[in-house]
Amino acid sequence: LEILNALSGRPSCILEGPVLKELVRRKGQFDRVAGFDKPSQSKSSAGEYFSQASIGHLGFTGTSFWIDPETDLIVVFLTNRIHPTRLNEKLKPFRPKLHNLICRKFLIKR
């Protein structure tokens, strides 16, 4: 929530908004900024609806989060990708589907 507040220009107890915004600003064509991921142009783990202002992080064990300051949406996904072995890749196609489902439910007016 502190990251979302700082990126959205709201008061934050810990982070300075302008500094964080500069750290997570995309430079060139890279999908990574200052320890975070940005939604990639195709096949993003964030799915289709997170804005380009979003930042996220994918952990080795499969946990992930995405924060979108344009929609005030935070999605945290806790999982164990490495069960039963670290070769398990089944989570990769599931993540964007999960994010799309959440975004359609909470962001898109019907």
C-alpha atoms as a PDB file:
ATOM      1  CA  LEU A   1       0.000   0.000   0.000  1.00  0.00           C
ATOM      2  CA  GLU A   2       2.924   2.338   0.674  1.00  0.00           C
ATOM      3  CA  ILE A   3       4.189   1.821  -2.881  1.00  0.00           C
ATOM      4  CA  LEU A   4       0.731   2.459  -4.338  1.00  0.00           C
ATOM      5  CA  ASN A   5       0.315   5.613  -2.243  1.00  0.00           C
ATOM      6  CA  ALA A   6       3.728   6.950  -3.276  1.00  0.00           C
ATOM      7  CA  LEU A   7       3.144   6.233  -6.978  1.00  0.00           C
ATOM      8  CA  SER A   8      -0.351   7.737  -6.834  1.00  0.00           C
ATOM      9  CA  GLY A   9       0.848  10.974  -5.232  1.00  0.00           C
ATOM     10  CA  ARG A  10      -0.823  10.284  -1.887  1.00  0.00           C
ATOM     11  CA  PRO A  11       1.010  10.687   1.406  1.00  0.00           C
ATOM     12  CA  SER A  12       3.351   7.826   2.253  1.00  0.00           C
ATOM     13  CA  CYS A  13       5.009   7.210   5.605  1.00  0.00           C
ATOM     14  CA  ILE A  14       8.130   5.653   4.150  1.00  0.00           C
ATOM     15  CA  LEU A  15       8.576   6.404   0.453  1.00  0.00           C
ATOM     16  CA  GLU A  16       9.007   9.675  -1.397  1.00  0.00           C
ATOM     17  CA  GLY A  17       6.705   9.691  -4.430  1.00  0.00           C
ATOM     18  CA  PRO A  18       8.931  11.630  -6.856  1.00  0.00           C
ATOM     19  CA  VAL A  19      11.965   9.465  -6.058  1.00  0.00           C
ATOM     20  CA  LEU A  20      10.027   6.200  -6.454  1.00  0.00           C
ATOM     21  CA  LYS A  21       8.394   7.421  -9.675  1.00  0.00           C
ATOM     22  CA  GLU A  22      11.815   8.112 -11.172  1.00  0.00           C
ATOM     23  CA  LEU A  23      13.129   4.707 -10.080  1.00  0.00           C
ATOM     24  CA  VAL A  24      10.246   2.851 -11.754  1.00  0.00           C
ATOM     25  CA  ARG A  25      10.096   4.967 -14.916  1.00  0.00           C
ATOM     26  CA  ARG A  26      10.700   2.836 -18.011  1.00  0.00           C
ATOM     27  CA  LYS A  27      13.926   3.729 -19.771  1.00  0.00           C
ATOM     28  CA  GLY A  28      14.102   2.471 -23.336  1.00  0.00           C
ATOM     29  CA  GLN A  29      12.564  -0.870 -24.203  1.00  0.00           C
ATOM     30  CA  PHE A  30      13.423  -2.653 -20.949  1.00  0.00           C
ATOM     31  CA  ASP A  31      10.679  -4.472 -19.005  1.00  0.00           C
ATOM     32  CA  ARG A  32      12.573  -4.137 -15.714  1.00  0.00           C
ATOM     33  CA  VAL A  33      13.173  -1.077 -13.548  1.00  0.00           C
ATOM     34  CA  ALA A  34      14.895  -0.720 -10.142  1.00  0.00           C
ATOM     35  CA  GLY A  35      14.018  -4.189  -8.842  1.00  0.00           C
ATOM     36  CA  PHE A  36      10.552  -4.364 -10.385  1.00  0.00           C
ATOM     37  CA  ASP A  37       9.029  -5.663 -13.602  1.00  0.00           C
ATOM     38  CA  LYS A  38       6.894  -3.585 -15.943  1.00  0.00           C
ATOM     39  CA  PRO A  39       4.137  -5.128 -18.074  1.00  0.00           C
ATOM     40  CA  SER A  40       5.781  -6.504 -21.212  1.00  0.00           C
ATOM     41  CA  GLN A  41       4.358  -5.708 -24.629  1.00  0.00           C
ATOM     42  CA  SER A  42       3.305  -9.314 -25.247  1.00  0.00           C
ATOM     43  CA  LYS A  43       2.571 -12.301 -23.019  1.00  0.00           C
ATOM     44  CA  SER A  44       2.995 -10.299 -19.829  1.00  0.00           C
ATOM     45  CA  SER A  45       2.519 -12.135 -16.543  1.00  0.00           C
ATOM     46  CA  ALA A  46       0.416  -9.086 -15.569  1.00  0.00           C
ATOM     47  CA  GLY A  47      -2.163 -10.010 -18.198  1.00  0.00           C
ATOM     48  CA  GLU A  48      -3.828  -7.552 -20.574  1.00  0.00           C
ATOM     49  CA  TYR A  49      -5.307  -4.903 -18.262  1.00  0.00           C
ATOM     50  CA  PHE A  50      -2.550  -3.543 -16.016  1.00  0.00           C
ATOM     51  CA  SER A  51      -1.436  -0.118 -17.245  1.00  0.00           C
ATOM     52  CA  GLN A  52       2.096   0.666 -18.371  1.00  0.00           C
ATOM     53  CA  ALA A  53       2.469   2.626 -15.117  1.00  0.00           C
ATOM     54  CA  SER A  54       2.200  -0.665 -13.202  1.00  0.00           C
ATOM     55  CA  ILE A  55       5.063  -2.377 -11.440  1.00  0.00           C
ATOM     56  CA  GLY A  56       5.326  -5.958 -10.321  1.00  0.00           C
ATOM     57  CA  HIS A  57       7.660  -8.618  -9.079  1.00  0.00           C
ATOM     58  CA  LEU A  58       7.838 -12.352  -9.691  1.00  0.00           C
ATOM     59  CA  GLY A  59       9.481 -14.492  -7.035  1.00  0.00           C
ATOM     60  CA  PHE A  60      11.394 -17.687  -7.772  1.00  0.00           C
ATOM     61  CA  THR A  61       8.876 -19.782  -5.841  1.00  0.00           C
ATOM     62  CA  GLY A  62       5.965 -18.419  -7.883  1.00  0.00           C
ATOM     63  CA  THR A  63       4.727 -15.640  -5.633  1.00  0.00           C
ATOM     64  CA  SER A  64       4.033 -12.388  -7.426  1.00  0.00           C
ATOM     65  CA  PHE A  65       2.478  -8.969  -7.074  1.00  0.00           C
ATOM     66  CA  TRP A  66       1.326  -6.246  -9.439  1.00  0.00           C
ATOM     67  CA  ILE A  67       0.507  -2.669  -8.448  1.00  0.00           C
ATOM     68  CA  ASP A  68      -1.326  -0.305 -10.791  1.00  0.00           C
ATOM     69  CA  PRO A  69      -1.325   3.353  -9.670  1.00  0.00           C
ATOM     70  CA  GLU A  70      -3.759   4.309 -12.454  1.00  0.00           C
ATOM     71  CA  THR A  71      -6.529   2.022 -11.158  1.00  0.00           C
ATOM     72  CA  ASP A  72      -5.510   1.664  -7.483  1.00  0.00           C
ATOM     73  CA  LEU A  73      -5.376  -2.109  -7.950  1.00  0.00           C
ATOM     74  CA  ILE A  74      -2.971  -4.384  -6.100  1.00  0.00           C
ATOM     75  CA  VAL A  75      -2.896  -8.132  -6.774  1.00  0.00           C
ATOM     76  CA  VAL A  76      -0.759 -10.388  -4.605  1.00  0.00           C
ATOM     77  CA  PHE A  77      -0.558 -14.047  -5.594  1.00  0.00           C
ATOM     78  CA  LEU A  78       1.040 -16.443  -3.115  1.00  0.00           C
ATOM     79  CA  THR A  79       1.856 -19.869  -4.462  1.00  0.00           C
ATOM     80  CA  ASN A  80       4.507 -22.566  -4.568  1.00  0.00           C
ATOM     81  CA  ARG A  81       5.679 -23.007  -8.156  1.00  0.00           C
ATOM     82  CA  ILE A  82       8.551 -25.265  -7.169  1.00  0.00           C
ATOM     83  CA  HIS A  83       6.278 -28.064  -5.935  1.00  0.00           C
ATOM     84  CA  PRO A  84       6.817 -30.888  -6.719  1.00  0.00           C
ATOM     85  CA  THR A  85      10.070 -29.755  -8.404  1.00  0.00           C
ATOM     86  CA  ARG A  86      11.647 -26.514  -9.556  1.00  0.00           C
ATOM     87  CA  LEU A  87      11.008 -27.631 -13.160  1.00  0.00           C
ATOM     88  CA  ASN A  88       7.274 -27.017 -12.725  1.00  0.00           C
ATOM     89  CA  GLU A  89       6.313 -24.334 -15.304  1.00  0.00           C
ATOM     90  CA  LYS A  90       2.519 -24.701 -15.160  1.00  0.00           C
ATOM     91  CA  LEU A  91       2.146 -21.369 -13.346  1.00  0.00           C
ATOM     92  CA  LYS A  92       3.409 -19.258 -16.259  1.00  0.00           C
ATOM     93  CA  PRO A  93       0.256 -19.456 -18.421  1.00  0.00           C
ATOM     94  CA  PHE A  94      -1.998 -19.297 -15.343  1.00  0.00           C
ATOM     95  CA  ARG A  95      -0.729 -15.968 -13.933  1.00  0.00           C
ATOM     96  CA  PRO A  96      -1.967 -13.720 -16.774  1.00  0.00           C
ATOM     97  CA  LYS A  97      -5.311 -15.532 -16.823  1.00  0.00           C
ATOM     98  CA  LEU A  98      -5.734 -14.903 -13.102  1.00  0.00           C
ATOM     99  CA  HIS A  99      -4.838 -11.223 -13.465  1.00  0.00           C
ATOM    100  CA  ASN A 100      -7.226 -10.811 -16.415  1.00  0.00           C
ATOM    101  CA  LEU A 101     -10.050 -12.396 -14.423  1.00  0.00           C
ATOM    102  CA  ILE A 102      -9.445 -10.087 -11.448  1.00  0.00           C
ATOM    103  CA  CYS A 103      -9.221  -6.996 -13.666  1.00  0.00           C
ATOM    104  CA  ARG A 104     -12.401  -7.866 -15.528  1.00  0.00           C
ATOM    105  CA  LYS A 105     -14.208  -8.363 -12.234  1.00  0.00           C
ATOM    106  CA  PHE A 106     -13.029  -5.196 -10.499  1.00  0.00           C
ATOM    107  CA  LEU A 107     -12.093  -2.717 -13.219  1.00  0.00           C
ATOM    108  CA  ILE A 108     -14.247  -3.176 -16.276  1.00  0.00           C
ATOM    109  CA  LYS A 109     -17.747  -1.729 -16.080  1.00  0.00           C
ATOM    110  CA  ARG A 110     -20.435  -4.004 -17.472  1.00  0.00           C
END
